[in-house]
mmCIF file of all heavy atoms, coordinates in Angstrom:
data_MODEL
# 
_entry.id   MODEL 
# 
loop_
_atom_site.group_PDB 
_atom_site.id 
_atom_site.type_symbol 
_atom_site.label_atom_id 
_atom_site.label_alt_id 
_atom_site.label_comp_id 
_atom_site.label_asym_id 
_atom_site.label_entity_id 
_atom_site.label_seq_id 
_atom_site.pdbx_PDB_ins_code 
_atom_site.Cartn_x 
_atom_site.Cartn_y 
_atom_site.Cartn_z 
_atom_site.occupancy 
_atom_site.B_iso_or_equiv 
_atom_site.pdbx_formal_charge 
_atom_site.auth_seq_id 
_atom_site.auth_comp_id 
_atom_site.auth_asym_id 
_atom_site.auth_atom_id 
_atom_site.pdbx_PDB_model_num 
ATOM 1   N N   . GLU A 1 1  ? 0.852   -1.219 -0.008  1.00 0.00 ? 1  GLU A N   1 
ATOM 2   C CA  . GLU A 1 1  ? 0.003   -0.005 -0.023  1.00 0.00 ? 1  GLU A CA  1 
ATOM 3   C C   . GLU A 1 1  ? 0.858   1.256  0.012   1.00 0.00 ? 1  GLU A C   1 
ATOM 4   O O   . GLU A 1 1  ? 0.623   2.162  -0.768  1.00 0.00 ? 1  GLU A O   1 
ATOM 5   C CB  . GLU A 1 1  ? -0.977  0.022  1.198   1.00 0.00 ? 1  GLU A CB  1 
ATOM 6   C CG  . GLU A 1 1  ? -2.098  -0.933 1.111   1.00 0.00 ? 1  GLU A CG  1 
ATOM 7   C CD  . GLU A 1 1  ? -1.948  -2.162 1.944   1.00 0.00 ? 1  GLU A CD  1 
ATOM 8   O OE1 . GLU A 1 1  ? -0.867  -2.246 2.605   1.00 0.00 ? 1  GLU A OE1 1 
ATOM 9   O OE2 . GLU A 1 1  ? -2.813  -3.015 1.954   1.00 0.00 ? 1  GLU A OE2 1 
ATOM 10  N N   . LYS A 1 2  ? 1.884   1.298  0.843   1.00 0.00 ? 2  LYS A N   1 
ATOM 11  C CA  . LYS A 1 2  ? 2.719   2.480  0.940   1.00 0.00 ? 2  LYS A CA  1 
ATOM 12  C C   . LYS A 1 2  ? 3.525   2.669  -0.367  1.00 0.00 ? 2  LYS A C   1 
ATOM 13  O O   . LYS A 1 2  ? 3.637   3.766  -0.885  1.00 0.00 ? 2  LYS A O   1 
ATOM 14  C CB  . LYS A 1 2  ? 3.674   2.424  2.113   1.00 0.00 ? 2  LYS A CB  1 
ATOM 15  C CG  . LYS A 1 2  ? 4.627   3.603  2.153   1.00 0.00 ? 2  LYS A CG  1 
ATOM 16  C CD  . LYS A 1 2  ? 5.164   3.833  3.503   1.00 0.00 ? 2  LYS A CD  1 
ATOM 17  C CE  . LYS A 1 2  ? 6.116   5.034  3.655   1.00 0.00 ? 2  LYS A CE  1 
ATOM 18  N NZ  . LYS A 1 2  ? 6.049   6.051  2.637   1.00 0.00 ? 2  LYS A NZ  1 
ATOM 19  N N   . THR A 1 3  ? 4.061   1.557  -0.879  1.00 0.00 ? 3  THR A N   1 
ATOM 20  C CA  . THR A 1 3  ? 4.789   1.666  -2.159  1.00 0.00 ? 3  THR A CA  1 
ATOM 21  C C   . THR A 1 3  ? 3.938   2.147  -3.266  1.00 0.00 ? 3  THR A C   1 
ATOM 22  O O   . THR A 1 3  ? 4.339   3.038  -4.039  1.00 0.00 ? 3  THR A O   1 
ATOM 23  C CB  . THR A 1 3  ? 5.398   0.288  -2.466  1.00 0.00 ? 3  THR A CB  1 
ATOM 24  O OG1 . THR A 1 3  ? 6.256   -0.155 -1.416  1.00 0.00 ? 3  THR A OG1 1 
ATOM 25  C CG2 . THR A 1 3  ? 6.200   0.300  -3.762  1.00 0.00 ? 3  THR A CG2 1 
ATOM 26  N N   . TRP A 1 4  ? 2.712   1.629  -3.343  1.00 0.00 ? 4  TRP A N   1 
ATOM 27  C CA  . TRP A 1 4  ? 1.781   2.007  -4.386  1.00 0.00 ? 4  TRP A CA  1 
ATOM 28  C C   . TRP A 1 4  ? 1.394   3.489  -4.199  1.00 0.00 ? 4  TRP A C   1 
ATOM 29  O O   . TRP A 1 4  ? 1.376   4.263  -5.171  1.00 0.00 ? 4  TRP A O   1 
ATOM 30  C CB  . TRP A 1 4  ? 0.525   1.107  -4.296  1.00 0.00 ? 4  TRP A CB  1 
ATOM 31  C CG  . TRP A 1 4  ? -0.304  1.045  -5.554  1.00 0.00 ? 4  TRP A CG  1 
ATOM 32  C CD1 . TRP A 1 4  ? -0.561  2.073  -6.428  1.00 0.00 ? 4  TRP A CD1 1 
ATOM 33  C CD2 . TRP A 1 4  ? -1.014  -0.035 -6.068  1.00 0.00 ? 4  TRP A CD2 1 
ATOM 34  N NE1 . TRP A 1 4  ? -1.391  1.666  -7.455  1.00 0.00 ? 4  TRP A NE1 1 
ATOM 35  C CE2 . TRP A 1 4  ? -1.652  0.292  -7.244  1.00 0.00 ? 4  TRP A CE2 1 
ATOM 36  C CE3 . TRP A 1 4  ? -1.112  -1.358 -5.613  1.00 0.00 ? 4  TRP A CE3 1 
ATOM 37  C CZ2 . TRP A 1 4  ? -2.466  -0.522 -7.937  1.00 0.00 ? 4  TRP A CZ2 1 
ATOM 38  C CZ3 . TRP A 1 4  ? -1.926  -2.251 -6.319  1.00 0.00 ? 4  TRP A CZ3 1 
ATOM 39  C CH2 . TRP A 1 4  ? -2.601  -1.832 -7.515  1.00 0.00 ? 4  TRP A CH2 1 
ATOM 40  N N   . PHE A 1 5  ? 1.064   3.870  -2.965  1.00 0.00 ? 5  PHE A N   1 
ATOM 41  C CA  . PHE A 1 5  ? 0.709   5.247  -2.678  1.00 0.00 ? 5  PHE A CA  1 
ATOM 42  C C   . PHE A 1 5  ? 1.864   6.199  -3.026  1.00 0.00 ? 5  PHE A C   1 
ATOM 43  O O   . PHE A 1 5  ? 1.608   7.280  -3.679  1.00 0.00 ? 5  PHE A O   1 
ATOM 44  C CB  . PHE A 1 5  ? 0.356   5.383  -1.182  1.00 0.00 ? 5  PHE A CB  1 
ATOM 45  C CG  . PHE A 1 5  ? 0.069   6.831  -0.755  1.00 0.00 ? 5  PHE A CG  1 
ATOM 46  C CD1 . PHE A 1 5  ? -1.194  7.343  -0.922  1.00 0.00 ? 5  PHE A CD1 1 
ATOM 47  C CD2 . PHE A 1 5  ? 1.036   7.604  -0.211  1.00 0.00 ? 5  PHE A CD2 1 
ATOM 48  C CE1 . PHE A 1 5  ? -1.488  8.652  -0.529  1.00 0.00 ? 5  PHE A CE1 1 
ATOM 49  C CE2 . PHE A 1 5  ? 0.819   8.913  0.182   1.00 0.00 ? 5  PHE A CE2 1 
ATOM 50  C CZ  . PHE A 1 5  ? -0.471  9.439  -0.026  1.00 0.00 ? 5  PHE A CZ  1 
ATOM 51  N N   . ASP A 1 6  ? 3.033   5.854  -2.638  1.00 0.00 ? 6  ASP A N   1 
ATOM 52  C CA  . ASP A 1 6  ? 4.214   6.747  -2.928  1.00 0.00 ? 6  ASP A CA  1 
ATOM 53  C C   . ASP A 1 6  ? 4.402   6.886  -4.439  1.00 0.00 ? 6  ASP A C   1 
ATOM 54  O O   . ASP A 1 6  ? 4.664   8.025  -4.916  1.00 0.00 ? 6  ASP A O   1 
ATOM 55  C CB  . ASP A 1 6  ? 5.472   6.210  -2.270  1.00 0.00 ? 6  ASP A CB  1 
ATOM 56  C CG  . ASP A 1 6  ? 5.432   6.356  -0.757  1.00 0.00 ? 6  ASP A CG  1 
ATOM 57  O OD1 . ASP A 1 6  ? 4.580   7.097  -0.212  1.00 0.00 ? 6  ASP A OD1 1 
ATOM 58  O OD2 . ASP A 1 6  ? 6.296   5.695  -0.107  1.00 0.00 ? 6  ASP A OD2 1 
ATOM 59  N N   . ALA A 1 7  ? 4.293   5.804  -5.210  1.00 0.00 ? 7  ALA A N   1 
ATOM 60  C CA  . ALA A 1 7  ? 4.484   5.833  -6.626  1.00 0.00 ? 7  ALA A CA  1 
ATOM 61  C C   . ALA A 1 7  ? 3.380   6.692  -7.265  1.00 0.00 ? 7  ALA A C   1 
ATOM 62  O O   . ALA A 1 7  ? 3.650   7.498  -8.180  1.00 0.00 ? 7  ALA A O   1 
ATOM 63  C CB  . ALA A 1 7  ? 4.527   4.431  -7.153  1.00 0.00 ? 7  ALA A CB  1 
ATOM 64  N N   . GLU A 1 8  ? 2.154   6.447  -6.844  1.00 0.00 ? 8  GLU A N   1 
ATOM 65  C CA  . GLU A 1 8  ? 1.037   7.192  -7.452  1.00 0.00 ? 8  GLU A CA  1 
ATOM 66  C C   . GLU A 1 8  ? 1.149   8.654  -7.107  1.00 0.00 ? 8  GLU A C   1 
ATOM 67  O O   . GLU A 1 8  ? 0.884   9.509  -7.972  1.00 0.00 ? 8  GLU A O   1 
ATOM 68  C CB  . GLU A 1 8  ? -0.302  6.600  -6.889  1.00 0.00 ? 8  GLU A CB  1 
ATOM 69  C CG  . GLU A 1 8  ? -1.541  7.241  -7.526  1.00 0.00 ? 8  GLU A CG  1 
ATOM 70  C CD  . GLU A 1 8  ? -1.712  6.907  -8.976  1.00 0.00 ? 8  GLU A CD  1 
ATOM 71  O OE1 . GLU A 1 8  ? -1.247  5.858  -9.437  1.00 0.00 ? 8  GLU A OE1 1 
ATOM 72  O OE2 . GLU A 1 8  ? -2.364  7.755  -9.669  1.00 0.00 ? 8  GLU A OE2 1 
ATOM 73  N N   . THR A 1 9  ? 1.520   8.999  -5.897  1.00 0.00 ? 9  THR A N   1 
ATOM 74  C CA  . THR A 1 9  ? 1.682   10.399 -5.528  1.00 0.00 ? 9  THR A CA  1 
ATOM 75  C C   . THR A 1 9  ? 2.745   11.046 -6.411  1.00 0.00 ? 9  THR A C   1 
ATOM 76  O O   . THR A 1 9  ? 2.559   12.177 -6.866  1.00 0.00 ? 9  THR A O   1 
ATOM 77  C CB  . THR A 1 9  ? 2.080   10.515 -3.996  1.00 0.00 ? 9  THR A CB  1 
ATOM 78  O OG1 . THR A 1 9  ? 1.052   9.973  -3.217  1.00 0.00 ? 9  THR A OG1 1 
ATOM 79  C CG2 . THR A 1 9  ? 2.355   11.936 -3.615  1.00 0.00 ? 9  THR A CG2 1 
ATOM 80  N N   . LYS A 1 10 ? 3.835   10.422 -6.626  1.00 0.00 ? 10 LYS A N   1 
ATOM 81  C CA  . LYS A 1 10 ? 4.952   10.946 -7.456  1.00 0.00 ? 10 LYS A CA  1 
ATOM 82  C C   . LYS A 1 10 ? 4.424   11.214 -8.906  1.00 0.00 ? 10 LYS A C   1 
ATOM 83  O O   . LYS A 1 10 ? 4.679   12.255 -9.457  1.00 0.00 ? 10 LYS A O   1 
ATOM 84  C CB  . LYS A 1 10 ? 6.107   9.997  -7.496  1.00 0.00 ? 10 LYS A CB  1 
ATOM 85  C CG  . LYS A 1 10 ? 7.320   10.516 -8.168  1.00 0.00 ? 10 LYS A CG  1 
ATOM 86  C CD  . LYS A 1 10 ? 8.494   9.491  -8.035  1.00 0.00 ? 10 LYS A CD  1 
ATOM 87  C CE  . LYS A 1 10 ? 9.708   10.067 -8.690  1.00 0.00 ? 10 LYS A CE  1 
ATOM 88  N NZ  . LYS A 1 10 ? 10.890  9.139  -8.503  1.00 0.00 ? 10 LYS A NZ  1 
ATOM 89  N N   . LEU A 1 11 ? 3.665   10.219 -9.444  1.00 0.00 ? 11 LEU A N   1 
ATOM 90  C CA  . LEU A 1 11 ? 3.103   10.446 -10.767 1.00 0.00 ? 11 LEU A CA  1 
ATOM 91  C C   . LEU A 1 11 ? 2.122   11.610 -10.794 1.00 0.00 ? 11 LEU A C   1 
ATOM 92  O O   . LEU A 1 11 ? 2.153   12.422 -11.773 1.00 0.00 ? 11 LEU A O   1 
ATOM 93  C CB  . LEU A 1 11 ? 2.385   9.152  -11.211 1.00 0.00 ? 11 LEU A CB  1 
ATOM 94  C CG  . LEU A 1 11 ? 3.276   7.961  -11.474 1.00 0.00 ? 11 LEU A CG  1 
ATOM 95  C CD1 . LEU A 1 11 ? 2.431   6.675  -11.710 1.00 0.00 ? 11 LEU A CD1 1 
ATOM 96  C CD2 . LEU A 1 11 ? 4.170   8.180  -12.689 1.00 0.00 ? 11 LEU A CD2 1 
ATOM 97  N N   . GLN A 1 12 ? 1.278   11.692 -9.804  1.00 0.00 ? 12 GLN A N   1 
ATOM 98  C CA  . GLN A 1 12 ? 0.277   12.783 -9.756  1.00 0.00 ? 12 GLN A CA  1 
ATOM 99  C C   . GLN A 1 12 ? 0.962   14.123 -9.591  1.00 0.00 ? 12 GLN A C   1 
ATOM 100 O O   . GLN A 1 12 ? 0.566   15.107 -10.301 1.00 0.00 ? 12 GLN A O   1 
ATOM 101 C CB  . GLN A 1 12 ? -0.728  12.519 -8.708  1.00 0.00 ? 12 GLN A CB  1 
ATOM 102 C CG  . GLN A 1 12 ? -1.695  11.381 -9.088  1.00 0.00 ? 12 GLN A CG  1 
ATOM 103 C CD  . GLN A 1 12 ? -2.688  11.173 -7.994  1.00 0.00 ? 12 GLN A CD  1 
ATOM 104 O OE1 . GLN A 1 12 ? -2.990  11.977 -7.169  1.00 0.00 ? 12 GLN A OE1 1 
ATOM 105 N NE2 . GLN A 1 12 ? -3.344  9.983  -7.981  1.00 0.00 ? 12 GLN A NE2 1 
ATOM 106 N N   . GLN A 1 13 ? 1.905   14.240 -8.738  1.00 0.00 ? 13 GLN A N   1 
ATOM 107 C CA  . GLN A 1 13 ? 2.621   15.496 -8.509  1.00 0.00 ? 13 GLN A CA  1 
ATOM 108 C C   . GLN A 1 13 ? 3.316   15.957 -9.858  1.00 0.00 ? 13 GLN A C   1 
ATOM 109 O O   . GLN A 1 13 ? 3.311   17.121 -10.176 1.00 0.00 ? 13 GLN A O   1 
ATOM 110 C CB  . GLN A 1 13 ? 3.648   15.394 -7.356  1.00 0.00 ? 13 GLN A CB  1 
ATOM 111 C CG  . GLN A 1 13 ? 3.056   15.271 -6.041  1.00 0.00 ? 13 GLN A CG  1 
ATOM 112 C CD  . GLN A 1 13 ? 2.218   16.448 -5.637  1.00 0.00 ? 13 GLN A CD  1 
ATOM 113 O OE1 . GLN A 1 13 ? 2.474   17.586 -6.103  1.00 0.00 ? 13 GLN A OE1 1 
ATOM 114 N NE2 . GLN A 1 13 ? 1.215   16.301 -4.772  1.00 0.00 ? 13 GLN A NE2 1 
ATOM 115 N N   . ALA A 1 14 ? 3.913   15.016 -10.553 1.00 0.00 ? 14 ALA A N   1 
ATOM 116 C CA  . ALA A 1 14 ? 4.551   15.304 -11.829 1.00 0.00 ? 14 ALA A CA  1 
ATOM 117 C C   . ALA A 1 14 ? 3.539   15.805 -12.866 1.00 0.00 ? 14 ALA A C   1 
ATOM 118 O O   . ALA A 1 14 ? 3.750   16.803 -13.576 1.00 0.00 ? 14 ALA A O   1 
ATOM 119 C CB  . ALA A 1 14 ? 5.283   14.138 -12.412 1.00 0.00 ? 14 ALA A CB  1 
ATOM 120 N N   . ALA A 1 15 ? 2.324   15.161 -12.894 1.00 0.00 ? 15 ALA A N   1 
ATOM 121 C CA  . ALA A 1 15 ? 1.260   15.616 -13.824 1.00 0.00 ? 15 ALA A CA  1 
ATOM 122 C C   . ALA A 1 15 ? 0.747   17.000 -13.427 1.00 0.00 ? 15 ALA A C   1 
ATOM 123 O O   . ALA A 1 15 ? 0.473   17.830 -14.310 1.00 0.00 ? 15 ALA A O   1 
ATOM 124 C CB  . ALA A 1 15 ? 0.141   14.576 -13.797 1.00 0.00 ? 15 ALA A CB  1 
ATOM 125 N N   . ILE A 1 16 ? 0.616   17.255 -12.122 1.00 0.00 ? 16 ILE A N   1 
ATOM 126 C CA  . ILE A 1 16 ? 0.167   18.600 -11.670 1.00 0.00 ? 16 ILE A CA  1 
ATOM 127 C C   . ILE A 1 16 ? 1.216   19.640 -12.074 1.00 0.00 ? 16 ILE A C   1 
ATOM 128 O O   . ILE A 1 16 ? 0.803   20.711 -12.599 1.00 0.00 ? 16 ILE A O   1 
ATOM 129 C CB  . ILE A 1 16 ? -0.038  18.611 -10.147 1.00 0.00 ? 16 ILE A CB  1 
ATOM 130 C CG1 . ILE A 1 16 ? -1.274  17.744 -9.798  1.00 0.00 ? 16 ILE A CG1 1 
ATOM 131 C CG2 . ILE A 1 16 ? -0.165  20.053 -9.599  1.00 0.00 ? 16 ILE A CG2 1 
ATOM 132 C CD1 . ILE A 1 16 ? -1.418  17.444 -8.355  1.00 0.00 ? 16 ILE A CD1 1 
ATOM 133 N N   . THR A 1 17 ? 2.445   19.371 -11.862 1.00 0.00 ? 17 THR A N   1 
ATOM 134 C CA  . THR A 1 17 ? 3.479   20.343 -12.278 1.00 0.00 ? 17 THR A CA  1 
ATOM 135 C C   . THR A 1 17 ? 3.475   20.581 -13.711 1.00 0.00 ? 17 THR A C   1 
ATOM 136 O O   . THR A 1 17 ? 3.526   21.731 -14.189 1.00 0.00 ? 17 THR A O   1 
ATOM 137 C CB  . THR A 1 17 ? 4.890   19.820 -11.789 1.00 0.00 ? 17 THR A CB  1 
ATOM 138 O OG1 . THR A 1 17 ? 4.865   19.662 -10.378 1.00 0.00 ? 17 THR A OG1 1 
ATOM 139 C CG2 . THR A 1 17 ? 5.957   20.740 -12.191 1.00 0.00 ? 17 THR A CG2 1 
ATOM 140 N N   . LYS A 1 18 ? 3.378   19.562 -14.483 1.00 0.00 ? 18 LYS A N   1 
ATOM 141 C CA  . LYS A 1 18 ? 3.349   19.669 -15.969 1.00 0.00 ? 18 LYS A CA  1 
ATOM 142 C C   . LYS A 1 18 ? 2.182   20.473 -16.474 1.00 0.00 ? 18 LYS A C   1 
ATOM 143 O O   . LYS A 1 18 ? 2.258   21.158 -17.476 1.00 0.00 ? 18 LYS A O   1 
ATOM 144 C CB  . LYS A 1 18 ? 3.355   18.257 -16.623 1.00 0.00 ? 18 LYS A CB  1 
ATOM 145 C CG  . LYS A 1 18 ? 3.391   18.242 -18.140 1.00 0.00 ? 18 LYS A CG  1 
ATOM 146 C CD  . LYS A 1 18 ? 3.441   16.860 -18.667 1.00 0.00 ? 18 LYS A CD  1 
ATOM 147 C CE  . LYS A 1 18 ? 3.384   16.913 -20.183 1.00 0.00 ? 18 LYS A CE  1 
ATOM 148 N NZ  . LYS A 1 18 ? 3.461   15.531 -20.752 1.00 0.00 ? 18 LYS A NZ  1 
ATOM 149 N N   . HIS A 1 19 ? 1.017   20.304 -15.823 1.00 0.00 ? 19 HIS A N   1 
ATOM 150 C CA  . HIS A 1 19 ? -0.223  20.927 -16.322 1.00 0.00 ? 19 HIS A CA  1 
ATOM 151 C C   . HIS A 1 19 ? -0.693  22.072 -15.434 1.00 0.00 ? 19 HIS A C   1 
ATOM 152 O O   . HIS A 1 19 ? -1.906  22.434 -15.471 1.00 0.00 ? 19 HIS A O   1 
ATOM 153 C CB  . HIS A 1 19 ? -1.324  19.841 -16.439 1.00 0.00 ? 19 HIS A CB  1 
ATOM 154 C CG  . HIS A 1 19 ? -0.928  18.804 -17.442 1.00 0.00 ? 19 HIS A CG  1 
ATOM 155 N ND1 . HIS A 1 19 ? -1.043  19.000 -18.756 1.00 0.00 ? 19 HIS A ND1 1 
ATOM 156 C CD2 . HIS A 1 19 ? -0.471  17.527 -17.217 1.00 0.00 ? 19 HIS A CD2 1 
ATOM 157 C CE1 . HIS A 1 19 ? -0.691  17.862 -19.414 1.00 0.00 ? 19 HIS A CE1 1 
ATOM 158 N NE2 . HIS A 1 19 ? -0.333  17.024 -18.517 1.00 0.00 ? 19 HIS A NE2 1 
ATOM 159 N N   . GLN A 1 20 ? 0.167   22.627 -14.614 1.00 0.00 ? 20 GLN A N   1 
ATOM 160 C CA  . GLN A 1 20 ? -0.223  23.668 -13.601 1.00 0.00 ? 20 GLN A CA  1 
ATOM 161 C C   . GLN A 1 20 ? -0.982  24.798 -14.278 1.00 0.00 ? 20 GLN A C   1 
ATOM 162 O O   . GLN A 1 20 ? -1.946  25.275 -13.756 1.00 0.00 ? 20 GLN A O   1 
ATOM 163 C CB  . GLN A 1 20 ? 0.966   24.144 -12.819 1.00 0.00 ? 20 GLN A CB  1 
ATOM 164 C CG  . GLN A 1 20 ? 0.564   25.012 -11.654 1.00 0.00 ? 20 GLN A CG  1 
ATOM 165 C CD  . GLN A 1 20 ? -0.254  24.278 -10.607 1.00 0.00 ? 20 GLN A CD  1 
ATOM 166 O OE1 . GLN A 1 20 ? 0.197   23.319 -10.005 1.00 0.00 ? 20 GLN A OE1 1 
ATOM 167 N NE2 . GLN A 1 20 ? -1.470  24.713 -10.399 1.00 0.00 ? 20 GLN A NE2 1 
ATOM 168 N N   . ALA A 1 21 ? -0.478  25.317 -15.387 1.00 0.00 ? 21 ALA A N   1 
ATOM 169 C CA  . ALA A 1 21 ? -1.069  26.461 -16.052 1.00 0.00 ? 21 ALA A CA  1 
ATOM 170 C C   . ALA A 1 21 ? -2.517  26.128 -16.452 1.00 0.00 ? 21 ALA A C   1 
ATOM 171 O O   . ALA A 1 21 ? -3.458  26.899 -16.264 1.00 0.00 ? 21 ALA A O   1 
ATOM 172 C CB  . ALA A 1 21 ? -0.290  26.902 -17.256 1.00 0.00 ? 21 ALA A CB  1 
ATOM 173 N N   . GLU A 1 22 ? -2.691  24.926 -17.002 1.00 0.00 ? 22 GLU A N   1 
ATOM 174 C CA  . GLU A 1 22 ? -4.050  24.490 -17.425 1.00 0.00 ? 22 GLU A CA  1 
ATOM 175 C C   . GLU A 1 22 ? -4.947  24.417 -16.214 1.00 0.00 ? 22 GLU A C   1 
ATOM 176 O O   . GLU A 1 22 ? -6.121  24.746 -16.263 1.00 0.00 ? 22 GLU A O   1 
ATOM 177 C CB  . GLU A 1 22 ? -4.006  23.159 -18.162 1.00 0.00 ? 22 GLU A CB  1 
ATOM 178 C CG  . GLU A 1 22 ? -3.199  23.260 -19.467 1.00 0.00 ? 22 GLU A CG  1 
ATOM 179 C CD  . GLU A 1 22 ? -2.780  21.796 -19.893 1.00 0.00 ? 22 GLU A CD  1 
ATOM 180 O OE1 . GLU A 1 22 ? -3.663  21.079 -20.363 1.00 0.00 ? 22 GLU A OE1 1 
ATOM 181 O OE2 . GLU A 1 22 ? -1.660  21.493 -19.739 1.00 0.00 ? 22 GLU A OE2 1 
ATOM 182 N N   . LEU A 1 23 ? -4.494  23.850 -15.159 1.00 0.00 ? 23 LEU A N   1 
ATOM 183 C CA  . LEU A 1 23 ? -5.255  23.672 -13.957 1.00 0.00 ? 23 LEU A CA  1 
ATOM 184 C C   . LEU A 1 23 ? -5.638  25.058 -13.354 1.00 0.00 ? 23 LEU A C   1 
ATOM 185 O O   . LEU A 1 23 ? -6.752  25.241 -12.926 1.00 0.00 ? 23 LEU A O   1 
ATOM 186 C CB  . LEU A 1 23 ? -4.473  22.832 -12.902 1.00 0.00 ? 23 LEU A CB  1 
ATOM 187 C CG  . LEU A 1 23 ? -4.263  21.359 -13.266 1.00 0.00 ? 23 LEU A CG  1 
ATOM 188 C CD1 . LEU A 1 23 ? -3.233  20.751 -12.330 1.00 0.00 ? 23 LEU A CD1 1 
ATOM 189 C CD2 . LEU A 1 23 ? -5.551  20.588 -13.284 1.00 0.00 ? 23 LEU A CD2 1 
ATOM 190 N N   . ASN A 1 24 ? -4.739  25.977 -13.454 1.00 0.00 ? 24 ASN A N   1 
ATOM 191 C CA  . ASN A 1 24 ? -5.006  27.349 -12.928 1.00 0.00 ? 24 ASN A CA  1 
ATOM 192 C C   . ASN A 1 24 ? -6.098  28.015 -13.762 1.00 0.00 ? 24 ASN A C   1 
ATOM 193 O O   . ASN A 1 24 ? -6.990  28.652 -13.234 1.00 0.00 ? 24 ASN A O   1 
ATOM 194 C CB  . ASN A 1 24 ? -3.762  28.190 -12.995 1.00 0.00 ? 24 ASN A CB  1 
ATOM 195 C CG  . ASN A 1 24 ? -2.741  27.842 -11.907 1.00 0.00 ? 24 ASN A CG  1 
ATOM 196 O OD1 . ASN A 1 24 ? -3.047  27.154 -10.973 1.00 0.00 ? 24 ASN A OD1 1 
ATOM 197 N ND2 . ASN A 1 24 ? -1.527  28.252 -12.137 1.00 0.00 ? 24 ASN A ND2 1 
ATOM 198 N N   . THR A 1 25 ? -6.084  27.763 -15.111 1.00 0.00 ? 25 THR A N   1 
ATOM 199 C CA  . THR A 1 25 ? -7.071  28.288 -15.970 1.00 0.00 ? 25 THR A CA  1 
ATOM 200 C C   . THR A 1 25 ? -8.459  27.698 -15.620 1.00 0.00 ? 25 THR A C   1 
ATOM 201 O O   . THR A 1 25 ? -9.472  28.465 -15.539 1.00 0.00 ? 25 THR A O   1 
ATOM 202 C CB  . THR A 1 25 ? -6.790  28.015 -17.433 1.00 0.00 ? 25 THR A CB  1 
ATOM 203 O OG1 . THR A 1 25 ? -5.533  28.677 -17.791 1.00 0.00 ? 25 THR A OG1 1 
ATOM 204 C CG2 . THR A 1 25 ? -7.810  28.477 -18.380 1.00 0.00 ? 25 THR A CG2 1 
ATOM 205 N N   . VAL A 1 26 ? -8.482  26.442 -15.389 1.00 0.00 ? 26 VAL A N   1 
ATOM 206 C CA  . VAL A 1 26 ? -9.765  25.796 -15.051 1.00 0.00 ? 26 VAL A CA  1 
ATOM 207 C C   . VAL A 1 26 ? -10.322 26.329 -13.708 1.00 0.00 ? 26 VAL A C   1 
ATOM 208 O O   . VAL A 1 26 ? -11.500 26.586 -13.564 1.00 0.00 ? 26 VAL A O   1 
ATOM 209 C CB  . VAL A 1 26 ? -9.669  24.207 -15.017 1.00 0.00 ? 26 VAL A CB  1 
ATOM 210 C CG1 . VAL A 1 26 ? -10.851 23.582 -14.473 1.00 0.00 ? 26 VAL A CG1 1 
ATOM 211 C CG2 . VAL A 1 26 ? -9.350  23.724 -16.438 1.00 0.00 ? 26 VAL A CG2 1 
# 
């Protein structure tokens, strides 16, 4: 669970960083 959570968190944080401008627009 922790390994999966940590990996998923890392992926999501990277996606947020990559798409921050779009997220701000929304």
